[in-house]
Amino acid sequence: MNKFLYVGCGNHRLIGFTHVEIDFSKTYSKGTVVKPPEILCDITKKIPLGDNSVELIYSSETMEHLKYREFLNHLIESHRILMMGGIVRICVPDLDQLVLKFIERKADIENEKKFRPQDPDFPISNYSELFVNEIMYEDHFYNHNFETLSACLKTVGFGEIKRCVAGDYENDNQQITFSIKEAEKNRNELLIVTAKKINTNTSIGKFDLVNKVNILNHILEKYLNLHIGPANHRKTYFPKKNFFKEKIYMIKNYFLK
């Protein structure tokens, strides 16, 4: 296994990198077929590599799909496998640029429609709808700017946090340099941040995000990647205490009519 990781790679491949992805089906997405990723895992839980074994961890348009504590867990795991002085390079949509784009009303609405999935629940007929679409696009859970990314990296214990220009990257390995420059070509809309591992240990420990309350869901999630949840999340649901209280209340009202 080489020292350069591309996490959350989807169906994108970079020469010289070991690819890490959670969803095997993305190997076949968008009409293309690429080689499966070398590592299949959940980057918020465990990356199956040894401590201090990686020089660079690269990601592009992945971290905005993680919830806040999931992102911190990923950074903690990244810190573990990075060599001392190793680098994380994170590319995400820039929240500041999205807000500025909305305020200045400069986007071409019709052109934007061509590059976005048509979702009847997220129409794009004006600037406000476009802004909502960009913020909530494709299960975005946490939209970052430099301030939020820097805060997360500092919280975990990374140092030398820098904002970078797309494609502005150099590595002794020329293939890695070329791959990153190619991946970031004409991607000036992205926020690109690098940070260095400067301490042996992280400043915080991982968050326990395992579902321990519902035993059935815990088993289903662990072995089948299934989760039983409410059909309508706005209503109380089985087996919550309020579910039974609601049914008793409805039965009482029925017979008291």
Protein backbone atom coordinates (compact mmCIF):
# COMPACT_ATOMS: atom_id res chain seq x y z
CA MET A 1 0.00 0.00 0.00
CA ASN A 2 1.48 3.38 -0.94
CA LYS A 3 1.67 6.51 1.20
CA PHE A 4 -0.92 8.58 -0.68
CA LEU A 5 -4.64 8.17 0.04
CA TYR A 6 -7.62 9.53 -1.87
CA VAL A 7 -10.60 9.21 0.51
CA GLY A 8 -14.23 9.42 -0.61
CA CYS A 9 -13.06 8.95 -4.19
CA GLY A 10 -16.43 7.84 -5.64
CA ASN A 11 -15.83 6.73 -9.24
CA HIS A 12 -12.92 9.15 -9.68
CA ARG A 13 -9.39 7.74 -9.86
CA LEU A 14 -6.04 9.49 -9.42
CA ILE A 15 -2.85 7.82 -10.62
CA GLY A 16 -0.44 7.14 -7.79
CA PHE A 17 -3.09 7.09 -5.06
CA THR A 18 -4.68 4.35 -2.99
CA HIS A 19 -8.44 4.89 -3.28
CA VAL A 20 -10.76 4.70 -0.27
CA GLU A 21 -14.55 4.56 -0.65
CA ILE A 22 -17.54 3.29 1.34
CA ASP A 23 -19.92 2.68 -1.59
CA PHE A 24 -18.86 -0.11 -3.97
CA SER A 25 -21.71 0.77 -6.36
CA LYS A 26 -19.96 4.01 -7.32
CA THR A 27 -17.57 1.86 -9.32
CA TYR A 28 -20.34 1.70 -11.93
CA SER A 29 -21.86 5.18 -11.65
CA LYS A 30 -22.35 7.84 -14.31
CA GLY A 31 -22.06 5.41 -17.22
CA THR A 32 -18.46 4.51 -16.45
CA VAL A 33 -16.80 1.42 -15.05
CA VAL A 34 -13.61 1.86 -13.09
CA LYS A 35 -11.53 -0.45 -10.95
CA PRO A 36 -12.90 -0.97 -7.44
CA PRO A 37 -11.23 1.10 -4.73
CA GLU A 38 -8.29 -0.56 -3.03
CA ILE A 39 -9.91 0.05 0.37
CA LEU A 40 -13.63 -0.23 1.17
CA CYS A 41 -14.39 1.28 4.57
CA ASP A 42 -16.21 3.97 6.52
CA ILE A 43 -13.68 6.81 6.86
CA THR A 44 -15.53 8.14 9.93
CA LYS A 45 -14.90 4.90 11.85
CA LYS A 46 -11.79 3.00 10.86
CA ILE A 47 -9.37 3.17 7.94
CA PRO A 48 -7.60 -0.23 7.94
CA LEU A 49 -4.05 1.08 7.86
CA GLY A 50 -1.34 1.21 10.50
CA ASP A 51 -0.40 4.22 12.61
CA ASN A 52 1.99 6.72 11.04
CA SER A 53 1.87 5.00 7.64
CA VAL A 54 0.55 7.68 5.26
CA GLU A 55 2.14 10.84 3.87
CA LEU A 56 -0.88 12.53 2.27
CA ILE A 57 -4.67 12.19 2.62
CA TYR A 58 -6.56 13.87 -0.20
CA SER A 59 -10.32 14.43 -0.54
CA SER A 60 -12.47 16.37 -2.96
CA GLU A 61 -16.13 17.26 -2.41
CA THR A 62 -16.55 14.58 0.27
CA MET A 63 -16.36 16.20 3.70
CA GLU A 64 -19.52 18.26 3.22
CA HIS A 65 -21.39 14.92 3.15
CA LEU A 66 -20.33 14.17 6.73
CA LYS A 67 -22.11 15.41 9.83
CA TYR A 68 -20.03 17.56 12.17
CA ARG A 69 -18.95 14.80 14.60
CA GLU A 70 -18.46 12.34 11.74
CA PHE A 71 -16.05 14.82 10.18
CA LEU A 72 -14.15 15.19 13.45
CA ASN A 73 -13.96 11.40 13.75
CA HIS A 74 -12.53 11.23 10.24
CA LEU A 75 -9.91 13.85 11.08
CA ILE A 76 -8.96 11.90 14.21
CA GLU A 77 -8.58 8.72 12.15
CA SER A 78 -6.58 10.66 9.53
CA HIS A 79 -4.30 11.97 12.25
CA ARG A 80 -3.70 8.41 13.48
CA ILE A 81 -2.54 7.01 10.13
CA LEU A 82 -0.54 10.08 9.04
CA MET A 83 3.20 10.17 9.53
CA MET A 84 4.54 13.01 11.63
CA GLY A 85 4.53 15.98 9.27
CA GLY A 86 1.96 14.27 7.04
CA ILE A 87 -0.66 16.39 5.28
CA VAL A 88 -4.42 16.40 4.82
CA ARG A 89 -5.61 18.28 1.74
CA ILE A 90 -9.36 18.91 1.80
CA CYS A 91 -11.40 20.33 -1.08
CA VAL A 92 -15.02 21.31 -0.41
CA PRO A 93 -17.62 23.71 -1.84
CA ASP A 94 -16.90 27.13 -0.33
CA LEU A 95 -19.85 28.32 1.74
CA ASP A 96 -18.61 31.91 1.51
CA GLN A 97 -18.60 31.73 -2.28
CA LEU A 98 -22.08 30.20 -2.37
CA VAL A 99 -23.42 33.03 -0.21
CA LEU A 100 -21.63 35.66 -2.30
CA LYS A 101 -22.96 34.08 -5.49
CA PHE A 102 -26.49 34.33 -4.08
CA ILE A 103 -26.09 37.95 -2.93
CA GLU A 104 -24.59 39.15 -6.22
CA ARG A 105 -27.17 37.31 -8.36
CA LYS A 106 -24.62 36.56 -11.07
CA ALA A 107 -25.39 32.92 -11.82
CA ASP A 108 -26.88 31.82 -15.13
CA ILE A 109 -30.00 30.00 -13.91
CA GLU A 110 -30.65 28.10 -17.13
CA ASN A 111 -27.04 26.97 -17.36
CA GLU A 112 -27.04 25.86 -13.72
CA LYS A 113 -30.06 23.64 -14.39
CA LYS A 114 -28.10 21.63 -16.97
CA PHE A 115 -25.58 20.43 -14.41
CA ARG A 116 -27.94 19.55 -11.56
CA PRO A 117 -30.36 16.66 -11.00
CA GLN A 118 -33.97 17.59 -11.66
CA ASP A 119 -35.73 17.19 -8.32
CA PRO A 120 -39.36 18.35 -8.02
CA ASP A 121 -38.75 19.08 -4.33
CA PHE A 122 -35.83 21.39 -5.21
CA PRO A 123 -36.86 23.45 -8.25
CA ILE A 124 -34.44 25.98 -9.74
CA SER A 125 -36.35 28.88 -11.24
CA ASN A 126 -34.71 31.80 -9.40
CA TYR A 127 -31.60 32.70 -7.39
CA SER A 128 -33.11 31.81 -4.03
CA GLU A 129 -34.09 28.33 -5.19
CA LEU A 130 -30.62 27.85 -6.69
CA PHE A 131 -29.04 28.81 -3.36
CA VAL A 132 -31.22 26.34 -1.44
CA ASN A 133 -30.37 23.64 -4.00
CA GLU A 134 -26.62 24.25 -3.63
CA ILE A 135 -26.71 24.25 0.16
CA MET A 136 -28.79 21.05 0.42
CA TYR A 137 -27.45 19.31 -2.70
CA GLU A 138 -26.97 15.52 -2.61
CA ASP A 139 -27.12 14.95 1.15
CA HIS A 140 -24.84 17.80 2.18
CA PHE A 141 -24.86 17.68 5.97
CA TYR A 142 -22.38 20.44 6.84
CA ASN A 143 -21.27 23.20 4.49
CA HIS A 144 -17.85 24.61 5.29
CA ASN A 145 -15.89 27.79 4.89
CA PHE A 146 -12.29 28.39 5.94
CA GLU A 147 -13.36 29.34 9.45
CA THR A 148 -15.25 26.09 10.13
CA LEU A 149 -12.63 23.85 8.52
CA SER A 150 -9.83 25.54 10.44
CA ALA A 151 -11.73 25.20 13.72
CA CYS A 152 -12.27 21.46 13.17
CA LEU A 153 -8.63 20.88 12.25
CA LYS A 154 -7.42 22.84 15.28
CA THR A 155 -9.85 20.98 17.55
CA VAL A 156 -8.31 17.66 16.53
CA GLY A 157 -4.74 18.93 16.86
CA PHE A 158 -3.55 19.70 13.34
CA GLY A 159 -1.28 22.66 12.72
CA GLU A 160 0.02 24.85 9.89
CA ILE A 161 -3.49 25.20 8.47
CA LYS A 162 -3.47 27.00 5.14
CA ARG A 163 -5.88 28.03 2.44
CA CYS A 164 -4.58 27.01 -0.98
CA VAL A 165 -5.14 27.93 -4.60
CA ALA A 166 -6.48 25.13 -6.79
CA GLY A 167 -3.60 23.22 -8.36
CA ASP A 168 -0.98 24.95 -6.23
CA TYR A 169 0.71 21.80 -4.96
CA GLU A 170 4.20 20.29 -5.08
CA ASN A 171 5.42 16.89 -3.92
CA ASP A 172 8.74 15.08 -4.37
CA ASN A 173 6.70 12.42 -6.12
CA GLN A 174 6.04 14.00 -9.51
CA GLN A 175 3.15 11.65 -10.29
CA ILE A 176 1.31 12.79 -7.16
CA THR A 177 1.97 16.43 -8.02
CA PHE A 178 0.60 15.90 -11.54
CA SER A 179 -2.49 14.00 -10.31
CA ILE A 180 -3.50 16.72 -7.86
CA LYS A 181 -2.89 19.52 -10.34
CA GLU A 182 -5.08 17.69 -12.86
CA ALA A 183 -7.82 17.00 -10.28
CA GLU A 184 -7.97 20.67 -9.30
CA LYS A 185 -7.67 22.17 -12.79
CA ASN A 186 -10.30 24.91 -13.29
CA ARG A 187 -11.78 24.20 -9.82
CA ASN A 188 -11.26 27.70 -8.42
CA GLU A 189 -14.74 27.66 -6.86
CA LEU A 190 -13.59 25.08 -4.31
CA LEU A 191 -12.25 25.85 -0.87
CA ILE A 192 -8.94 23.98 -0.55
CA VAL A 193 -7.30 23.67 2.85
CA THR A 194 -4.18 21.83 3.97
CA ALA A 195 -3.05 20.99 7.49
CA LYS A 196 -0.07 19.15 8.99
CA LYS A 197 0.24 16.52 11.70
CA ILE A 198 2.42 18.24 14.30
CA ASN A 199 1.71 16.16 17.41
CA THR A 200 1.80 12.44 18.18
CA ASN A 201 -1.65 12.43 19.79
CA THR A 202 -4.92 14.17 18.96
CA SER A 203 -6.42 16.82 21.23
CA ILE A 204 -9.74 14.96 21.50
CA GLY A 205 -11.00 11.39 21.33
CA LYS A 206 -13.47 9.91 18.86
CA PHE A 207 -17.19 10.40 19.34
CA ASP A 208 -19.22 7.23 19.88
CA LEU A 209 -21.93 7.49 17.23
CA VAL A 210 -23.10 3.87 17.36
CA ASN A 211 -26.85 3.33 17.77
CA LYS A 212 -27.00 1.58 21.14
CA VAL A 213 -30.55 2.50 22.15
CA ASN A 214 -32.34 0.41 19.54
CA ILE A 215 -30.72 -3.06 19.61
CA LEU A 216 -32.51 -4.21 16.45
CA ASN A 217 -31.26 -1.23 14.47
CA HIS A 218 -27.77 -1.69 15.87
CA ILE A 219 -27.69 -5.27 14.53
CA LEU A 220 -29.24 -4.35 11.18
CA GLU A 221 -26.85 -1.42 10.68
CA LYS A 222 -23.77 -3.45 11.57
CA TYR A 223 -24.44 -6.50 9.41
CA LEU A 224 -26.88 -5.45 6.66
CA ASN A 225 -26.53 -1.65 6.41
CA LEU A 226 -30.26 -1.35 7.09
CA HIS A 227 -32.06 0.98 9.44
CA ILE A 228 -35.68 0.90 10.58
CA GLY A 229 -37.02 4.38 11.04
CA PRO A 230 -40.26 6.34 11.06
CA ALA A 231 -42.24 6.66 7.84
CA ASN A 232 -42.98 10.23 8.93
CA HIS A 233 -40.19 11.68 11.07
CA ARG A 234 -42.51 14.44 12.34
CA LYS A 235 -44.66 11.92 14.21
CA THR A 236 -43.72 9.92 17.29
CA TYR A 237 -42.99 6.31 16.40
CA PHE A 238 -42.75 2.76 17.76
CA PRO A 239 -41.32 1.83 20.25
CA LYS A 240 -40.98 5.31 21.75
CA LYS A 241 -42.89 5.94 24.98
CA ASN A 242 -44.85 8.79 23.40
CA PHE A 243 -46.02 6.43 20.63
CA PHE A 244 -47.98 4.40 23.19
CA LYS A 245 -49.21 7.53 24.96
CA GLU A 246 -50.50 8.83 21.64
CA LYS A 247 -52.38 5.59 20.91
CA ILE A 248 -53.96 5.54 24.37
CA TYR A 249 -54.98 9.16 23.92
CA MET A 250 -56.55 8.43 20.51
CA ILE A 251 -58.42 5.37 21.84
CA LYS A 252 -59.79 7.35 24.79
CA ASN A 253 -60.95 10.13 22.48
CA TYR A 254 -62.58 7.60 20.16
CA PHE A 255 -64.74 6.07 22.90
CA LEU A 256 -65.54 9.41 24.49
CA LYS A 257 -67.11 10.78 21.31
